[in-house]
Structure formats: structure tokens, C-alpha cells
């Protein structure tokens, strides 16, 4: 919100008498034109991101008058009142977005819980799949003959992570760079599986959401609440 407020203030200080002119019809060419255009684009993007509807004609009127040191049509008190109203509108829009996202997350969580339970039940019946007491499901794809790590060890592993529909959400294999991690500092399903494995083993893991990220929606993460996760994990070594 402060970002938008200061953007509006910056216009009044920097925008110039150009606002009193007709909008440019051609692309900016000189350094001054490019600077002016970049400033306008940045301010427009900041204000547009609020989703608050504005009267652009009056916006331009205020910009031009303020920069040109003309007489403002509103008193300082009226300006302050309008800015407080603007901030209130931004808060209302933010709350609306947050409410919509929360509802979307709730629906996704319910859907993932139902579909995840079905997938786990079907996967448990497949040949070679073992289910531990915690609910972790694993299948040995390749057997190694090295030692097994302890919870306090650091290991090097390659992994390929997908959702139950097969969509990839993360993969060290695709990046071509294995992961080095402490066994006791990963999700519970991984921590348990790694201690079952021997160096050289490759497992297919199906991890219930409660052994992964549960009902949590991590900021910026593609993993939705109640997601069952599928990994192919190859244990490459135990770090000294």
C-alpha cells in the first residue's frame, strides 16, 4: 500500500508539464523520453495492481496540476481524506483476494484428500509395493549393496518428484544435480525412506500428505494442501 502511495507522490514531483500535453503517440526515443515512459509504466503498473478503479481523467488532472505548481482543486484535508479512502479500497481488494484464495485452497484440499486416499489404496495393491506402519509406501526399483544412513547422517541423492497425476513439481534428475541433505531435516516420508535404503538403492515412494506437507500451503509452492507425493529416489552416497 505504501508502495502505491509513494508512487502517486513521485508522480506529483517528477511527472512534469508533459501531463498537460497530449499523450505521446510514438515510442520513446531519447533518454528523457525513455525515462519518462519508464516512470509512467512503473507507476501505472503499481496502481493497476491494486485493482482499484480510478477516474483516469482526474488522475491526469491531479498529476498535471501538482507538477505544474497550479492551484489544487482539493484542500489538504480533502486530499488526505481521499488518500485514506484509497487505502481502504486497497485493503478491501486485498481481503477479497485473500478470501478467494482461501476458498480455492480449501476446495483443493478436499479434492486432494479424496483423490489421494484413492490413489494410496490402489497403489498398495500393486506387486512389490510395501506399506510401513506410518503409511509410507515404497517399491524397490533397483537394489544396492551399500550401508544404510542413520537419521544423523547427510546423504547425496537424486530424486524425481511428481503429483499423483504425473505432473512434475521438482526433480534433481532434470536439473542434473543431486541433492545433499541431512536425513533428519527433510519431510517425514523421506526421512523414513532414506533410513530403509542402502547406498545404490532406487525406490519409488508414495508419500501420504501427513508425511509430507499436510494441510499446509507453502508460499510460492506448487504443492497444494493434502497432496500425496510420488518420488523416485536414488541413494548415491553417505557424506563423510
Protein backbone atom coordinates (compact mmCIF):
# COMPACT_ATOMS: atom_id res chain seq x y z
CA UNK A 1 0.00 0.00 0.00
CA UNK A 2 2.86 2.38 0.86
CA UNK A 3 4.42 1.47 -2.46
CA UNK A 4 1.36 2.76 -4.31
CA UNK A 5 1.11 5.87 -2.14
CA UNK A 6 4.73 6.83 -2.77
CA UNK A 7 4.28 6.10 -6.47
CA UNK A 8 1.47 8.64 -6.55
CA UNK A 9 3.60 11.15 -4.66
CA UNK A 10 6.51 10.59 -7.03
CA UNK A 11 4.32 11.48 -9.97
CA UNK A 12 3.48 14.82 -8.45
CA UNK A 13 7.18 15.58 -8.01
CA UNK A 14 8.58 14.17 -11.24
CA UNK A 15 5.93 13.88 -13.89
CA UNK A 16 6.15 17.38 -15.23
CA UNK A 17 4.19 19.58 -17.55
CA UNK A 18 4.20 16.73 -20.03
CA UNK A 19 0.98 15.63 -18.33
CA UNK A 20 -0.70 18.75 -19.58
CA UNK A 21 0.14 17.75 -23.12
CA UNK A 22 -1.49 15.16 -25.32
CA UNK A 23 -0.22 11.61 -24.64
CA UNK A 24 2.69 10.63 -26.87
CA UNK A 25 1.65 8.59 -29.89
CA UNK A 26 5.10 7.21 -30.70
CA UNK A 27 7.56 5.02 -28.84
CA UNK A 28 10.10 6.90 -26.67
CA UNK A 29 13.44 7.52 -28.35
CA UNK A 30 15.54 9.97 -26.35
CA UNK A 31 16.88 9.22 -22.88
CA UNK A 32 14.45 11.70 -21.37
CA UNK A 33 11.51 10.17 -23.21
CA UNK A 34 12.54 6.67 -22.12
CA UNK A 35 12.95 7.79 -18.52
CA UNK A 36 9.55 9.47 -18.55
CA UNK A 37 7.90 6.46 -20.16
CA UNK A 38 9.54 4.01 -17.73
CA UNK A 39 8.36 6.09 -14.77
CA UNK A 40 4.82 6.23 -16.13
CA UNK A 41 4.78 2.50 -16.87
CA UNK A 42 6.04 1.65 -13.38
CA UNK A 43 3.52 3.90 -11.67
CA UNK A 44 0.71 2.60 -13.85
CA UNK A 45 1.64 -0.99 -13.05
CA UNK A 46 1.78 -0.26 -9.31
CA UNK A 47 -1.59 1.46 -9.29
CA UNK A 48 -3.12 -1.15 -11.61
CA UNK A 49 -2.02 -3.96 -9.31
CA UNK A 50 -4.39 -2.65 -6.62
CA UNK A 51 -7.44 -3.49 -8.80
CA UNK A 52 -8.99 -0.22 -7.59
CA UNK A 53 -10.96 1.54 -10.33
CA UNK A 54 -9.85 5.15 -10.87
CA UNK A 55 -11.02 8.06 -13.00
CA UNK A 56 -8.03 8.41 -15.31
CA UNK A 57 -9.03 11.88 -16.50
CA UNK A 58 -8.98 13.20 -12.93
CA UNK A 59 -5.81 11.27 -12.19
CA UNK A 60 -4.09 13.08 -15.07
CA UNK A 61 -5.66 16.36 -13.92
CA UNK A 62 -4.19 15.95 -10.45
CA UNK A 63 -0.79 14.96 -11.82
CA UNK A 64 -0.60 17.92 -14.17
CA UNK A 65 -1.77 20.44 -11.59
CA UNK A 66 0.52 19.16 -8.86
CA UNK A 67 3.62 19.13 -11.01
CA UNK A 68 2.88 22.45 -12.64
CA UNK A 69 2.55 24.07 -9.21
CA UNK A 70 -1.03 25.04 -10.03
CA UNK A 71 -3.85 25.51 -7.57
CA UNK A 72 -5.20 22.18 -6.45
CA UNK A 73 -8.96 21.66 -6.60
CA UNK A 74 -8.99 19.92 -3.21
CA UNK A 75 -7.88 21.18 0.17
CA UNK A 76 -5.08 19.35 2.04
CA UNK A 77 -7.77 17.86 4.29
CA UNK A 78 -9.76 16.61 1.30
CA UNK A 79 -6.62 15.17 -0.25
CA UNK A 80 -5.82 13.31 2.98
CA UNK A 81 -9.40 12.04 3.25
CA UNK A 82 -9.32 10.76 -0.34
CA UNK A 83 -5.97 9.04 0.21
CA UNK A 84 -7.32 7.30 3.33
CA UNK A 85 -10.30 6.17 1.28
CA UNK A 86 -7.94 4.89 -1.40
CA UNK A 87 -6.01 2.89 1.18
CA UNK A 88 -9.29 1.48 2.46
CA UNK A 89 -10.24 0.38 -1.06
CA UNK A 90 -6.86 -1.34 -1.43
CA UNK A 91 -7.37 -3.20 1.85
CA UNK A 92 -10.83 -4.28 0.74
CA UNK A 93 -9.43 -5.60 -2.56
CA UNK A 94 -6.65 -7.43 -0.73
CA UNK A 95 -9.14 -9.03 1.64
CA UNK A 96 -11.28 -10.08 -1.32
CA UNK A 97 -8.29 -11.73 -3.00
CA UNK A 98 -7.22 -13.46 0.22
CA UNK A 99 -10.74 -14.77 0.79
CA UNK A 100 -10.92 -16.13 -2.77
CA UNK A 101 -7.50 -17.79 -2.40
CA UNK A 102 -8.50 -19.34 0.93
CA UNK A 103 -11.68 -20.76 -0.61
CA UNK A 104 -9.71 -22.09 -3.58
CA UNK A 105 -7.20 -23.70 -1.22
CA UNK A 106 -10.00 -25.28 0.83
CA UNK A 107 -11.61 -26.82 -2.24
CA UNK A 108 -8.23 -28.09 -3.47
CA UNK A 109 -7.51 -29.62 -0.05
CA UNK A 110 -10.81 -31.52 -0.05
CA UNK A 111 -10.27 -32.75 -3.61
CA UNK A 112 -6.68 -33.79 -2.93
CA UNK A 113 -7.67 -35.65 0.24
CA UNK A 114 -10.26 -37.74 -1.60
CA UNK A 115 -8.14 -38.44 -4.66
CA UNK A 116 -5.04 -39.09 -2.54
CA UNK A 117 -6.78 -41.69 -0.40
CA UNK A 118 -8.00 -43.48 -3.53
CA UNK A 119 -4.53 -43.45 -5.08
CA UNK A 120 -2.90 -44.81 -1.92
CA UNK A 121 -5.43 -47.64 -1.67
CA UNK A 122 -4.89 -48.65 -5.30
CA UNK A 123 -1.11 -48.32 -5.15
CA UNK A 124 -0.91 -50.51 -2.03
CA UNK A 125 -2.30 -53.43 -4.05
CA UNK A 126 0.41 -53.29 -6.70
CA UNK A 127 3.04 -56.00 -6.85
CA UNK A 128 6.22 -55.13 -4.97
CA UNK A 129 4.73 -52.24 -3.03
CA UNK A 130 5.29 -52.29 0.72
CA UNK A 131 3.47 -50.12 3.24
CA UNK A 132 5.10 -49.20 6.54
CA UNK A 133 3.30 -48.66 9.83
CA UNK A 134 3.33 -44.89 9.24
CA UNK A 135 1.56 -45.28 5.89
CA UNK A 136 4.63 -44.70 3.70
CA UNK A 137 4.54 -46.81 0.53
CA UNK A 138 7.71 -47.85 -1.24
CA UNK A 139 8.80 -50.10 -4.07
CA UNK A 140 12.40 -51.17 -4.75
CA UNK A 141 13.29 -50.28 -8.34
CA UNK A 142 17.00 -51.07 -8.04
CA UNK A 143 18.83 -52.80 -5.21
CA UNK A 144 22.14 -51.52 -3.91
CA UNK A 145 24.60 -53.17 -1.54
CA UNK A 146 25.96 -50.22 0.41
CA UNK A 147 25.34 -49.16 4.00
CA UNK A 148 22.12 -47.57 5.22
CA UNK A 149 22.22 -44.00 6.56
CA UNK A 150 21.26 -43.02 10.08
CA UNK A 151 18.99 -40.12 10.97
CA UNK A 152 22.04 -38.03 11.87
CA UNK A 153 23.79 -38.61 8.52
CA UNK A 154 23.95 -36.42 5.45
CA UNK A 155 23.27 -38.16 2.17
CA UNK A 156 23.56 -37.46 -1.54
CA UNK A 157 20.53 -38.48 -3.58
CA UNK A 158 18.86 -37.99 -6.92
CA UNK A 159 15.08 -37.60 -6.96
CA UNK A 160 12.20 -37.02 -9.34
CA UNK A 161 9.03 -35.71 -7.69
CA UNK A 162 5.55 -35.78 -9.21
CA UNK A 163 1.95 -35.41 -8.16
CA UNK A 164 -0.34 -38.44 -8.46
CA UNK A 165 -1.43 -37.21 -11.92
CA UNK A 166 2.17 -37.45 -13.12
CA UNK A 167 2.91 -33.71 -13.26
CA UNK A 168 6.49 -32.97 -12.17
CA UNK A 169 6.91 -30.43 -9.37
CA UNK A 170 10.63 -30.87 -8.66
CA UNK A 171 13.45 -33.01 -10.00
CA UNK A 172 17.18 -33.09 -9.33
CA UNK A 173 17.38 -35.56 -12.21
CA UNK A 174 16.09 -32.95 -14.66
CA UNK A 175 18.47 -30.35 -13.21
CA UNK A 176 21.36 -32.81 -13.45
CA UNK A 177 22.46 -32.02 -9.91
CA UNK A 178 21.96 -34.42 -6.97
CA UNK A 179 20.79 -33.17 -3.61
CA UNK A 180 22.88 -33.33 -0.43
CA UNK A 181 20.70 -33.24 2.68
CA UNK A 182 20.59 -34.21 6.37
CA UNK A 183 18.35 -37.27 6.77
CA UNK A 184 16.53 -35.73 9.74
CA UNK A 185 15.89 -32.37 8.05
CA UNK A 186 13.53 -33.46 5.29
CA UNK A 187 9.83 -34.37 5.20
CA UNK A 188 8.94 -37.34 7.39
CA UNK A 189 8.30 -39.66 4.44
CA UNK A 190 11.76 -39.00 3.02
CA UNK A 191 13.47 -39.34 6.39
CA UNK A 192 11.87 -42.73 6.98
CA UNK A 193 12.55 -43.99 3.46
CA UNK A 194 16.21 -42.95 3.42
CA UNK A 195 16.89 -44.98 6.56
CA UNK A 196 15.35 -48.05 4.90
CA UNK A 197 17.55 -47.66 1.83
CA UNK A 198 21.09 -48.80 1.13
CA UNK A 199 23.55 -46.83 -0.95
CA UNK A 200 22.83 -47.78 -4.55
CA UNK A 201 19.14 -48.39 -3.93
CA UNK A 202 16.49 -46.70 -6.03
CA UNK A 203 12.99 -46.57 -4.56
CA UNK A 204 9.63 -45.36 -5.77
CA UNK A 205 7.96 -43.64 -2.84
CA UNK A 206 4.32 -42.73 -2.45
CA UNK A 207 4.10 -40.39 0.50
CA UNK A 208 0.77 -39.60 2.21
CA UNK A 209 0.22 -35.90 2.79
CA UNK A 210 0.61 -36.28 6.56
CA UNK A 211 4.18 -37.49 5.95
CA UNK A 212 4.82 -34.64 3.50
CA UNK A 213 3.37 -31.13 3.87
CA UNK A 214 -0.07 -31.97 5.23
CA UNK A 215 -2.69 -29.25 5.04
CA UNK A 216 -0.08 -26.53 4.69
CA UNK A 217 0.12 -24.40 1.55
CA UNK A 218 3.71 -23.26 1.25
CA UNK A 219 4.05 -19.73 -0.19
CA UNK A 220 5.07 -19.92 -3.83
CA UNK A 221 4.97 -23.72 -3.85
CA UNK A 222 3.03 -25.72 -6.44
CA UNK A 223 2.25 -28.32 -3.77
CA UNK A 224 -1.36 -27.92 -2.66
CA UNK A 225 -2.75 -28.89 0.77
CA UNK A 226 -3.32 -32.63 1.35
CA UNK A 227 -1.19 -33.60 -1.65
CA UNK A 228 0.06 -37.18 -1.91
CA UNK A 229 3.55 -37.00 -3.39
CA UNK A 230 5.33 -39.54 -5.58
CA UNK A 231 9.13 -39.72 -5.72
CA UNK A 232 11.73 -41.84 -7.41
CA UNK A 233 14.74 -41.60 -5.11
CA UNK A 234 18.21 -42.99 -5.74
CA UNK A 235 20.60 -43.01 -2.78
CA UNK A 236 24.02 -42.15 -4.19
CA UNK A 237 26.08 -41.97 -1.04
CA UNK A 238 26.52 -41.04 2.60
CA UNK A 239 28.59 -37.91 3.19
CA UNK A 240 31.61 -38.07 5.48
